[in-house]
C-alpha atoms as a PDB file:
ATOM      1  CA  MET A   1       0.000   0.000   0.000  1.00  0.00           C
ATOM      2  CA  ALA A   2       1.319   3.423  -0.929  1.00  0.00           C
ATOM      3  CA  HIS A   3       0.362   6.486   1.038  1.00  0.00           C
ATOM      4  CA  VAL A   4      -0.364   9.632  -0.883  1.00  0.00           C
ATOM      5  CA  VAL A   5      -1.601  12.984   0.233  1.00  0.00           C
ATOM      6  CA  GLN A   6      -4.972  14.425  -0.651  1.00  0.00           C
ATOM      7  CA  PRO A   7      -6.312  17.912   0.000  1.00  0.00           C
ATOM      8  CA  ASP A   8      -8.912  18.238   2.733  1.00  0.00           C
ATOM      9  CA  PRO A   9     -11.591  20.500   1.230  1.00  0.00           C
ATOM     10  CA  ALA A  10     -13.022  21.254   4.657  1.00  0.00           C
ATOM     11  CA  ALA A  11      -9.733  22.486   6.082  1.00  0.00           C
ATOM     12  CA  ASP A  12      -8.730  26.161   6.292  1.00  0.00           C
ATOM     13  CA  GLY A  13     -12.002  27.337   4.823  1.00  0.00           C
ATOM     14  CA  GLY A  14     -11.239  25.531   1.578  1.00  0.00           C
ATOM     15  CA  ALA A  15      -8.213  27.778   0.890  1.00  0.00           C
ATOM     16  CA  THR A  16      -5.405  25.373   0.140  1.00  0.00           C
ATOM     17  CA  VAL A  17      -3.443  23.431   2.544  1.00  0.00           C
ATOM     18  CA  GLY A  18      -5.590  20.912   4.306  1.00  0.00           C
ATOM     19  CA  PHE A  19      -3.430  17.960   3.380  1.00  0.00           C
ATOM     20  CA  ARG A  20      -4.709  14.489   4.093  1.00  0.00           C
ATOM     21  CA  VAL A  21      -2.675  11.295   3.833  1.00  0.00           C
ATOM     22  CA  THR A  22      -4.753   8.448   2.480  1.00  0.00           C
ATOM     23  CA  PRO A  23      -3.631   4.865   1.773  1.00  0.00           C
ATOM     24  CA  ARG A  24      -4.348   3.882  -1.810  1.00  0.00           C
ATOM     25  CA  SER A  25      -3.613   0.779  -3.856  1.00  0.00           C
ATOM     26  CA  GLU A  26      -0.738   0.676  -6.330  1.00  0.00           C
ATOM     27  CA  PRO A  27      -0.508   1.775  -9.088  1.00  0.00           C
ATOM     28  CA  GLU A  28      -3.601   3.964  -9.170  1.00  0.00           C
ATOM     29  CA  ALA A  29      -2.530   6.524  -6.559  1.00  0.00           C
ATOM     30  CA  GLN A  30      -3.446   9.970  -7.855  1.00  0.00           C
ATOM     31  CA  ALA A  31      -1.510  13.135  -7.357  1.00  0.00           C
ATOM     32  CA  PRO A  32      -2.951  14.969  -4.352  1.00  0.00           C
ATOM     33  CA  GLY A  33      -4.500  18.244  -5.395  1.00  0.00           C
ATOM     34  CA  PHE A  34      -4.697  17.070  -9.007  1.00  0.00           C
ATOM     35  CA  ARG A  35      -7.231  15.068 -10.976  1.00  0.00           C
ATOM     36  CA  SER A  36      -4.724  12.629 -12.398  1.00  0.00           C
ATOM     37  CA  LEU A  37      -0.979  12.163 -12.344  1.00  0.00           C
ATOM     38  CA  ARG A  38      -1.030  11.624 -16.106  1.00  0.00           C
ATOM     39  CA  ASN A  39      -2.913  14.810 -16.918  1.00  0.00           C
ATOM     40  CA  ALA A  40      -1.614  16.909 -14.025  1.00  0.00           C
ATOM     41  CA  GLN A  41      -4.614  19.217 -14.124  1.00  0.00           C
ATOM     42  CA  PRO A  42      -5.160  21.289 -10.955  1.00  0.00           C
ATOM     43  CA  VAL A  43      -8.445  20.964  -9.127  1.00  0.00           C
ATOM     44  CA  ALA A  44     -10.263  23.761  -7.354  1.00  0.00           C
ATOM     45  CA  GLY A  45      -8.364  24.815  -4.271  1.00  0.00           C
ATOM     46  CA  ALA A  46      -4.992  23.447  -5.380  1.00  0.00           C
ATOM     47  CA  SER A  47      -2.192  25.712  -6.445  1.00  0.00           C
ATOM     48  CA  GLY A  48      -1.263  23.977  -9.687  1.00  0.00           C
ATOM     49  CA  SER A  49       1.963  22.602 -11.055  1.00  0.00           C
ATOM     50  CA  ASP A  50       3.872  25.840 -10.594  1.00  0.00           C
ATOM     51  CA  CYS A  51       2.849  25.995  -6.933  1.00  0.00           C
ATOM     52  CA  SER A  52       1.710  29.567  -7.445  1.00  0.00           C
ATOM     53  CA  PRO A  53       0.254  31.353  -4.417  1.00  0.00           C
ATOM     54  CA  VAL A  54      -3.379  30.698  -3.627  1.00  0.00           C
ATOM     55  CA  ALA A  55      -3.422  32.170  -0.153  1.00  0.00           C
ATOM     56  CA  THR A  56      -0.964  33.794   2.219  1.00  0.00           C
ATOM     57  CA  HIS A  57      -0.321  32.524   5.688  1.00  0.00           C
ATOM     58  CA  ALA A  58       2.058  33.979   8.262  1.00  0.00           C
ATOM     59  CA  ALA A  59       3.143  31.053  10.398  1.00  0.00           C
ATOM     60  CA  THR A  60       6.156  29.951  12.374  1.00  0.00           C
ATOM     61  CA  ILE A  61       7.743  26.944  10.722  1.00  0.00           C
ATOM     62  CA  PRO A  62       9.539  24.614  13.152  1.00  0.00           C
ATOM     63  CA  ASP A  63      12.864  24.613  11.314  1.00  0.00           C
ATOM     64  CA  LYS A  64      15.452  27.075  10.051  1.00  0.00           C
ATOM     65  CA  SER A  65      12.743  28.969   8.147  1.00  0.00           C
ATOM     66  CA  SER A  66      11.381  30.341  11.411  1.00  0.00           C
ATOM     67  CA  ASP A  67      14.439  32.584  11.744  1.00  0.00           C
ATOM     68  CA  ALA A  68      13.813  34.050   8.301  1.00  0.00           C
ATOM     69  CA  ILE A  69      10.150  34.619   9.133  1.00  0.00           C
ATOM     70  CA  ALA A  70      11.019  36.375  12.371  1.00  0.00           C
ATOM     71  CA  THR A  71      13.572  38.692  10.784  1.00  0.00           C
ATOM     72  CA  GLY A  72      11.994  39.119   7.341  1.00  0.00           C
ATOM     73  CA  ALA A  73      15.388  38.187   5.922  1.00  0.00           C
ATOM     74  CA  PHE A  74      14.258  37.148   2.445  1.00  0.00           C
ATOM     75  CA  THR A  75      16.672  38.056  -0.344  1.00  0.00           C
ATOM     76  CA  MET A  76      16.704  38.339  -4.088  1.00  0.00           C
ATOM     77  CA  ALA A  77      18.565  35.023  -4.032  1.00  0.00           C
ATOM     78  CA  ASP A  78      15.422  33.405  -2.585  1.00  0.00           C
ATOM     79  CA  ASP A  79      13.306  34.856  -5.400  1.00  0.00           C
ATOM     80  CA  ALA A  80      15.823  33.742  -8.015  1.00  0.00           C
ATOM     81  CA  LYS A  81      15.861  30.177  -6.713  1.00  0.00           C
ATOM     82  CA  ILE A  82      12.086  30.043  -6.573  1.00  0.00           C
ATOM     83  CA  ALA A  83      11.816  31.363 -10.129  1.00  0.00           C
ATOM     84  CA  GLN A  84      14.380  28.820 -11.344  1.00  0.00           C
ATOM     85  CA  PHE A  85      12.537  25.871  -9.835  1.00  0.00           C
ATOM     86  CA  GLN A  86       9.132  27.182 -10.910  1.00  0.00           C
ATOM     87  CA  LYS A  87      10.357  27.179 -14.490  1.00  0.00           C
ATOM     88  CA  LEU A  88      11.494  23.567 -14.151  1.00  0.00           C
ATOM     89  CA  VAL A  89       8.192  22.328 -12.721  1.00  0.00           C
ATOM     90  CA  GLU A  90       6.261  24.209 -15.389  1.00  0.00           C
ATOM     91  CA  GLN A  91       8.217  22.257 -17.982  1.00  0.00           C
ATOM     92  CA  ASN A  92       7.621  18.943 -16.185  1.00  0.00           C
ATOM     93  CA  PRO A  93       5.125  18.934 -13.290  1.00  0.00           C
ATOM     94  CA  ASN A  94       6.000  15.305 -12.514  1.00  0.00           C
ATOM     95  CA  ASP A  95       9.692  16.023 -11.899  1.00  0.00           C
ATOM     96  CA  ASP A  96       9.790  15.078  -8.216  1.00  0.00           C
ATOM     97  CA  MET A  97      13.226  16.565  -7.665  1.00  0.00           C
ATOM     98  CA  ALA A  98      12.275  19.954  -9.098  1.00  0.00           C
ATOM     99  CA  GLN A  99       9.027  19.939  -7.113  1.00  0.00           C
ATOM    100  CA  PHE A 100      10.894  19.103  -3.896  1.00  0.00           C
ATOM    101  CA  SER A 101      13.457  21.836  -4.558  1.00  0.00           C
ATOM    102  CA  LEU A 102      10.706  24.382  -5.242  1.00  0.00           C
ATOM    103  CA  GLY A 103       8.816  23.384  -2.104  1.00  0.00           C
ATOM    104  CA  THR A 104      11.974  23.682  -0.010  1.00  0.00           C
ATOM    105  CA  ALA A 105      12.800  27.095  -1.482  1.00  0.00           C
ATOM    106  CA  LEU A 106       9.261  28.345  -0.784  1.00  0.00           C
ATOM    107  CA  LEU A 107       9.366  26.985   2.762  1.00  0.00           C
ATOM    108  CA  ASP A 108      12.746  28.603   3.390  1.00  0.00           C
ATOM    109  CA  ALA A 109      11.225  31.879   2.174  1.00  0.00           C
ATOM    110  CA  GLY A 110       8.424  31.587   4.744  1.00  0.00           C
ATOM    111  CA  ARG A 111       5.760  30.650   2.183  1.00  0.00           C
ATOM    112  CA  ALA A 112       4.462  27.498   3.858  1.00  0.00           C
ATOM    113  CA  MET A 113       1.044  27.673   2.226  1.00  0.00           C
ATOM    114  CA  ASP A 114       2.579  27.744  -1.245  1.00  0.00           C
ATOM    115  CA  ALA A 115       5.118  25.002  -0.456  1.00  0.00           C
ATOM    116  CA  GLY A 116       2.537  22.378   0.481  1.00  0.00           C
ATOM    117  CA  PRO A 117       1.286  21.437  -3.022  1.00  0.00           C
ATOM    118  CA  CYS A 118       4.886  20.913  -4.155  1.00  0.00           C
ATOM    119  CA  PHE A 119       5.507  18.272  -1.489  1.00  0.00           C
ATOM    120  CA  GLN A 120       2.115  16.756  -2.322  1.00  0.00           C
ATOM    121  CA  ARG A 121       3.208  16.321  -5.919  1.00  0.00           C
ATOM    122  CA  VAL A 122       6.513  14.740  -4.846  1.00  0.00           C
ATOM    123  CA  LEU A 123       4.600  12.111  -2.867  1.00  0.00           C
ATOM    124  CA  ALA A 124       2.224  11.510  -5.759  1.00  0.00           C
ATOM    125  CA  VAL A 125       5.166  10.777  -8.049  1.00  0.00           C
ATOM    126  CA  ASN A 126       7.268   8.968  -5.437  1.00  0.00           C
ATOM    127  CA  SER A 127       5.288   7.711  -2.455  1.00  0.00           C
ATOM    128  CA  GLN A 128       8.483   6.437  -0.772  1.00  0.00           C
ATOM    129  CA  HIS A 129      10.138   9.881  -0.517  1.00  0.00           C
ATOM    130  CA  SER A 130      10.541   9.999   3.272  1.00  0.00           C
ATOM    131  CA  LYS A 131      11.990  13.522   3.336  1.00  0.00           C
ATOM    132  CA  ALA A 132       8.921  14.842   1.498  1.00  0.00           C
ATOM    133  CA  TYR A 133       6.705  13.415   4.254  1.00  0.00           C
ATOM    134  CA  GLU A 134       8.805  15.286   6.797  1.00  0.00           C
ATOM    135  CA  MET A 135       8.598  18.559   4.876  1.00  0.00           C
ATOM    136  CA  LEU A 136       4.857  18.228   4.249  1.00  0.00           C
ATOM    137  CA  GLY A 137       4.396  17.556   7.957  1.00  0.00           C
ATOM    138  CA  ARG A 138       6.258  20.778   8.730  1.00  0.00           C
ATOM    139  CA  VAL A 139       3.962  22.668   6.367  1.00  0.00           C
ATOM    140  CA  GLN A 140       0.855  21.171   7.970  1.00  0.00           C
ATOM    141  CA  ILE A 141       2.066  22.122  11.449  1.00  0.00           C
ATOM    142  CA  ALA A 142       2.933  25.628  10.286  1.00  0.00           C
ATOM    143  CA  THR A 143      -0.503  26.108   8.731  1.00  0.00           C
ATOM    144  CA  GLY A 144      -2.380  24.778  11.742  1.00  0.00           C
ATOM    145  CA  HIS A 145      -3.433  21.326  10.471  1.00  0.00           C
ATOM    146  CA  ARG A 146      -2.264  19.248  13.433  1.00  0.00           C
ATOM    147  CA  ASP A 147      -4.387  16.141  12.780  1.00  0.00           C
ATOM    148  CA  LEU A 148      -3.262  15.929   9.168  1.00  0.00           C
ATOM    149  CA  ALA A 149       0.349  16.486  10.228  1.00  0.00           C
ATOM    150  CA  ILE A 150       0.091  13.529  12.617  1.00  0.00           C
ATOM    151  CA  GLN A 151      -1.187  11.327   9.800  1.00  0.00           C
ATOM    152  CA  THR A 152       1.503  12.474   7.364  1.00  0.00           C
ATOM    153  CA  LEU A 153       4.365  12.172   9.847  1.00  0.00           C
ATOM    154  CA  THR A 154       3.207   8.772  11.132  1.00  0.00           C
ATOM    155  CA  ASN A 155       3.114   7.320   7.614  1.00  0.00           C
ATOM    156  CA  GLY A 156       6.409   9.013   6.740  1.00  0.00           C
ATOM    157  CA  TYR A 157       8.063   7.694   9.901  1.00  0.00           C
ATOM    158  CA  ARG A 158       7.165   4.115   9.004  1.00  0.00           C
ATOM    159  CA  ILE A 159       8.380   4.554   5.427  1.00  0.00           C
ATOM    160  CA  ALA A 160      11.659   6.105   6.606  1.00  0.00           C
ATOM    161  CA  HIS A 161      12.148   3.187   9.005  1.00  0.00           C
ATOM    162  CA  ARG A 162      11.479   0.662   6.260  1.00  0.00           C
ATOM    163  CA  LYS A 163      14.005   2.373   3.952  1.00  0.00           C
ATOM    164  CA  GLY A 164      16.584   2.993   6.657  1.00  0.00           C
ATOM    165  CA  ASP A 165      16.397   6.797   6.247  1.00  0.00           C
ATOM    166  CA  LEU A 166      17.506   7.606   9.767  1.00  0.00           C
ATOM    167  CA  MET A 167      17.621  11.393   9.771  1.00  0.00           C
ATOM    168  CA  PRO A 168      14.114  11.995   8.341  1.00  0.00           C
ATOM    169  CA  MET A 169      12.873   9.301  10.723  1.00  0.00           C
ATOM    170  CA  LYS A 170      14.437  11.099  13.679  1.00  0.00           C
ATOM    171  CA  ALA A 171      13.135  14.490  12.484  1.00  0.00           C
ATOM    172  CA  MET A 172       9.593  13.157  12.112  1.00  0.00           C
ATOM    173  CA  ALA A 173       9.724  11.617  15.580  1.00  0.00           C
ATOM    174  CA  GLU A 174      10.740  14.999  17.000  1.00  0.00           C
ATOM    175  CA  LEU A 175       7.933  16.758  15.096  1.00  0.00           C
ATOM    176  CA  LEU A 176       5.357  14.262  16.352  1.00  0.00           C
ATOM    177  CA  THR A 177       6.585  14.743  19.914  1.00  0.00           C
ATOM    178  CA  SER A 178       6.510  18.529  19.530  1.00  0.00           C
ATOM    179  CA  ILE A 179       2.778  18.457  18.765  1.00  0.00           C
ATOM    180  CA  GLY A 180       1.976  15.958  21.512  1.00  0.00           C
ATOM    181  CA  ALA A 181       1.496  12.952  19.229  1.00  0.00           C
ATOM    182  CA  GLU A 182       2.669   9.385  19.738  1.00  0.00           C
ATOM    183  CA  VAL A 183       5.693   8.165  17.800  1.00  0.00           C
ATOM    184  CA  PRO A 184       4.886   4.875  16.000  1.00  0.00           C
ATOM    185  CA  THR A 185       6.340   1.668  17.377  1.00  0.00           C
ATOM    186  CA  VAL A 186       8.482  -0.148  14.808  1.00  0.00           C
ATOM    187  CA  THR A 187      10.526  -3.324  14.911  1.00  0.00           C
ATOM    188  CA  GLU A 188      14.305  -3.183  14.783  1.00  0.00           C
ATOM    189  CA  LYS A 189      15.539  -3.253  11.196  1.00  0.00           C
ATOM    190  CA  ARG A 190      18.376  -5.588  10.221  1.00  0.00           C
ATOM    191  CA  ALA A 191      20.725  -4.267   7.561  1.00  0.00           C
ATOM    192  CA  GLU A 192      20.779  -6.663   4.613  1.00  0.00           C
ATOM    193  CA  SER A 193      22.321  -6.825   1.162  1.00  0.00           C
ATOM    194  CA  GLY A 194      20.286  -6.763  -2.023  1.00  0.00           C
ATOM    195  CA  GLU A 195      20.403 -10.582  -2.114  1.00  0.00           C
ATOM    196  CA  GLY A 196      18.791 -10.803   1.316  1.00  0.00           C
ATOM    197  CA  SER A 197      21.848 -11.913   3.303  1.00  0.00           C
ATOM    198  CA  THR A 198      23.244  -9.894   6.184  1.00  0.00           C
ATOM    199  CA  ILE A 199      25.950  -7.546   4.909  1.00  0.00           C
ATOM    200  CA  ALA A 200      29.579  -7.709   5.986  1.00  0.00           C
ATOM    201  CA  ALA A 201      30.184  -5.537   9.038  1.00  0.00           C
ATOM    202  CA  THR A 202      33.096  -3.144   9.471  1.00  0.00           C
ATOM    203  CA  GLU A 203      34.195  -2.979  13.088  1.00  0.00           C
ATOM    204  CA  GLY A 204      33.245   0.316  14.724  1.00  0.00           C
ATOM    205  CA  PHE A 205      31.417   1.577  11.616  1.00  0.00           C
ATOM    206  CA  SER A 206      27.748   2.495  11.223  1.00  0.00           C
ATOM    207  CA  CYS A 207      26.383   4.247   8.121  1.00  0.00           C
ATOM    208  CA  ARG A 208      24.739   7.521   9.082  1.00  0.00           C
ATOM    209  CA  ARG A 209      22.164   7.163   6.296  1.00  0.00           C
ATOM    210  CA  CYS A 210      20.952   3.567   6.609  1.00  0.00           C
ATOM    211  CA  GLY A 211      22.459   2.440   9.922  1.00  0.00           C
ATOM    212  CA  ALA A 212      24.203  -0.538   8.331  1.00  0.00           C
ATOM    213  CA  PRO A 213      27.509  -1.743   9.833  1.00  0.00           C
ATOM    214  CA  GLY A 214      29.117  -1.862   6.382  1.00  0.00           C
ATOM    215  CA  PRO A 215      30.572  -2.359   3.954  1.00  0.00           C
ATOM    216  CA  LYS A 216      32.665   0.781   4.231  1.00  0.00           C
ATOM    217  CA  MET A 217      34.086   2.444   1.110  1.00  0.00           C
ATOM    218  CA  GLU A 218      37.650   1.389   0.357  1.00  0.00           C
ATOM    219  CA  ARG A 219      38.766   4.988  -0.137  1.00  0.00           C
ATOM    220  CA  ARG A 220      37.364   8.504   0.125  1.00  0.00           C
ATOM    221  CA  PRO A 221      35.164   9.462  -2.854  1.00  0.00           C
ATOM    222  CA  PHE A 222      36.942  12.799  -3.393  1.00  0.00           C
ATOM    223  CA  LYS A 223      39.498  15.057  -1.713  1.00  0.00           C
ATOM    224  CA  GLY A 224      38.776  17.529   1.054  1.00  0.00           C
ATOM    225  CA  PRO A 225      37.030  17.523   4.446  1.00  0.00           C
ATOM    226  CA  LEU A 226      33.621  16.602   2.977  1.00  0.00           C
ATOM    227  CA  GLY A 227      35.120  13.629   1.151  1.00  0.00           C
ATOM    228  CA  GLU A 228      36.764  12.501   4.405  1.00  0.00           C
ATOM    229  CA  GLN A 229      33.462  12.873   6.283  1.00  0.00           C
ATOM    230  CA  ILE A 230      31.576  10.834   3.686  1.00  0.00           C
ATOM    231  CA  HIS A 231      34.241   8.119   3.749  1.00  0.00           C
ATOM    232  CA  ALA A 232      34.069   7.949   7.542  1.00  0.00           C
ATOM    233  CA  THR A 233      30.280   7.910   7.886  1.00  0.00           C
ATOM    234  CA  VAL A 234      28.613   6.600   4.680  1.00  0.00           C
ATOM    235  CA  CYS A 235      28.588   2.977   3.524  1.00  0.00           C
ATOM    236  CA  ALA A 236      29.548   1.891   0.021  1.00  0.00           C
ATOM    237  CA  LYS A 237      25.946   0.959  -0.858  1.00  0.00           C
ATOM    238  CA  CYS A 238      24.553   4.408   0.020  1.00  0.00           C
ATOM    239  CA  TRP A 239      27.365   6.139  -1.840  1.00  0.00           C
ATOM    240  CA  LYS A 240      26.625   4.064  -4.949  1.00  0.00           C
ATOM    241  CA  GLU A 241      22.963   5.108  -4.681  1.00  0.00           C
ATOM    242  CA  TRP A 242      24.028   8.751  -4.495  1.00  0.00           C
ATOM    243  CA  VAL A 243      26.196   8.461  -7.625  1.00  0.00           C
ATOM    244  CA  GLY A 244      23.070   7.569  -9.591  1.00  0.00           C
ATOM    245  CA  MET A 245      20.987  10.235  -7.854  1.00  0.00           C
ATOM    246  CA  GLY A 246      23.720  12.835  -8.346  1.00  0.00           C
ATOM    247  CA  THR A 247      23.518  12.350 -12.104  1.00  0.00           C
ATOM    248  CA  LYS A 248      19.771  12.903 -11.874  1.00  0.00           C
ATOM    249  CA  VAL A 249      20.331  16.104  -9.870  1.00  0.00           C
ATOM    250  CA  ILE A 250      22.695  17.505 -12.508  1.00  0.00           C
ATOM    251  CA  ASN A 251      20.474  16.573 -15.436  1.00  0.00           C
ATOM    252  CA  GLU A 252      17.049  17.451 -14.050  1.00  0.00           C
ATOM    253  CA  LEU A 253      18.107  20.696 -12.370  1.00  0.00           C
ATOM    254  CA  ARG A 254      20.370  21.514 -15.325  1.00  0.00           C
ATOM    255  CA  LEU A 255      23.316  22.417 -13.149  1.00  0.00           C
ATOM    256  CA  PRO A 256      26.375  23.822 -14.967  1.00  0.00           C
ATOM    257  CA  MET A 257      29.047  22.335 -12.699  1.00  0.00           C
ATOM    258  CA  PHE A 258      31.599  25.009 -13.628  1.00  0.00           C
ATOM    259  CA  ASP A 259      29.368  27.489 -11.758  1.00  0.00           C
ATOM    260  CA  PRO A 260      30.127  27.707  -7.988  1.00  0.00           C
ATOM    261  CA  ALA A 261      26.427  28.265  -7.269  1.00  0.00           C
ATOM    262  CA  ALA A 262      25.566  25.051  -9.143  1.00  0.00           C
ATOM    263  CA  GLN A 263      28.246  23.172  -7.216  1.00  0.00           C
ATOM    264  CA  GLU A 264      26.744  24.496  -3.984  1.00  0.00           C
ATOM    265  CA  MET A 265      23.302  23.278  -5.041  1.00  0.00           C
ATOM    266  CA  TYR A 266      24.737  19.868  -5.946  1.00  0.00           C
ATOM    267  CA  ASP A 267      26.492  19.591  -2.576  1.00  0.00           C
ATOM    268  CA  LYS A 268      23.257  20.555  -0.788  1.00  0.00           C
ATOM    269  CA  HIS A 269      21.356  17.711  -2.459  1.00  0.00           C
ATOM    270  CA  MET A 270      24.222  15.316  -1.734  1.00  0.00           C
ATOM    271  CA  LYS A 271      24.279  16.210   1.960  1.00  0.00           C
ATOM    272  CA  GLU A 272      20.505  15.818   2.221  1.00  0.00           C
ATOM    273  CA  PHE A 273      20.589  12.449   0.462  1.00  0.00           C
ATOM    274  CA  LEU A 274      23.455  11.140   2.590  1.00  0.00           C
ATOM    275  CA  MET A 275      21.963  12.663   5.772  1.00  0.00           C
ATOM    276  CA  ILE A 276      24.999  14.861   6.407  1.00  0.00           C
ATOM    277  CA  GLU A 277      24.111  17.928   8.465  1.00  0.00           C
END
């Protein structure tokens, strides 16, 4: 069963972000806020594929965005990033990476109400995106939809546990606790290889992303402090997964890697994927 997010028409006076997580059968899960994933047509009350504003909402977001909200420290760089990602999602509304990046940029700019539909679309395209559950839960808390946030974060917590995504799992547990909700009980997960056998352990090593005891990379992936940190804390399997995802980041976000700003964006996605703070 996949869990996708559907708008709650009764929430917030029918404005936008009453987000409801509803279990649906594969593969017919529809994009929340849209009639169909294939057609990607917005329904009444949803903000559409470009996540354009439908309503404004001044709220304190329980992450780094709260500082920006308190100080009003939004810059032209925020607007430029938002415009860049809006252009990408207009070209392909089902690009989950572009939608996630746009939602994050909007949330960082204090626009929680506008960010919600972006994370909805991510979960419609990829129902196993544990970080998107976390971010949607933050939006729901910020916009006053506690019950829906509990549902989103509970489902996301279980998915993150199943995938071994430790940092989103921890973040969602903290968010649930912060709103007085119970953290789901899950069984201890054994790290296994793709063939189903327990993977070879490296003494004293635990991957920060999946929690596996190995195997550790034979050498650092690149020079510098970040390369050393990845070598010391990320297993070979998770690094291999990032190599494939990194190519997707470059291609889908059209990053010119000779540009320092593009390199910074690439590194940001890499750190998020590998759970490096």
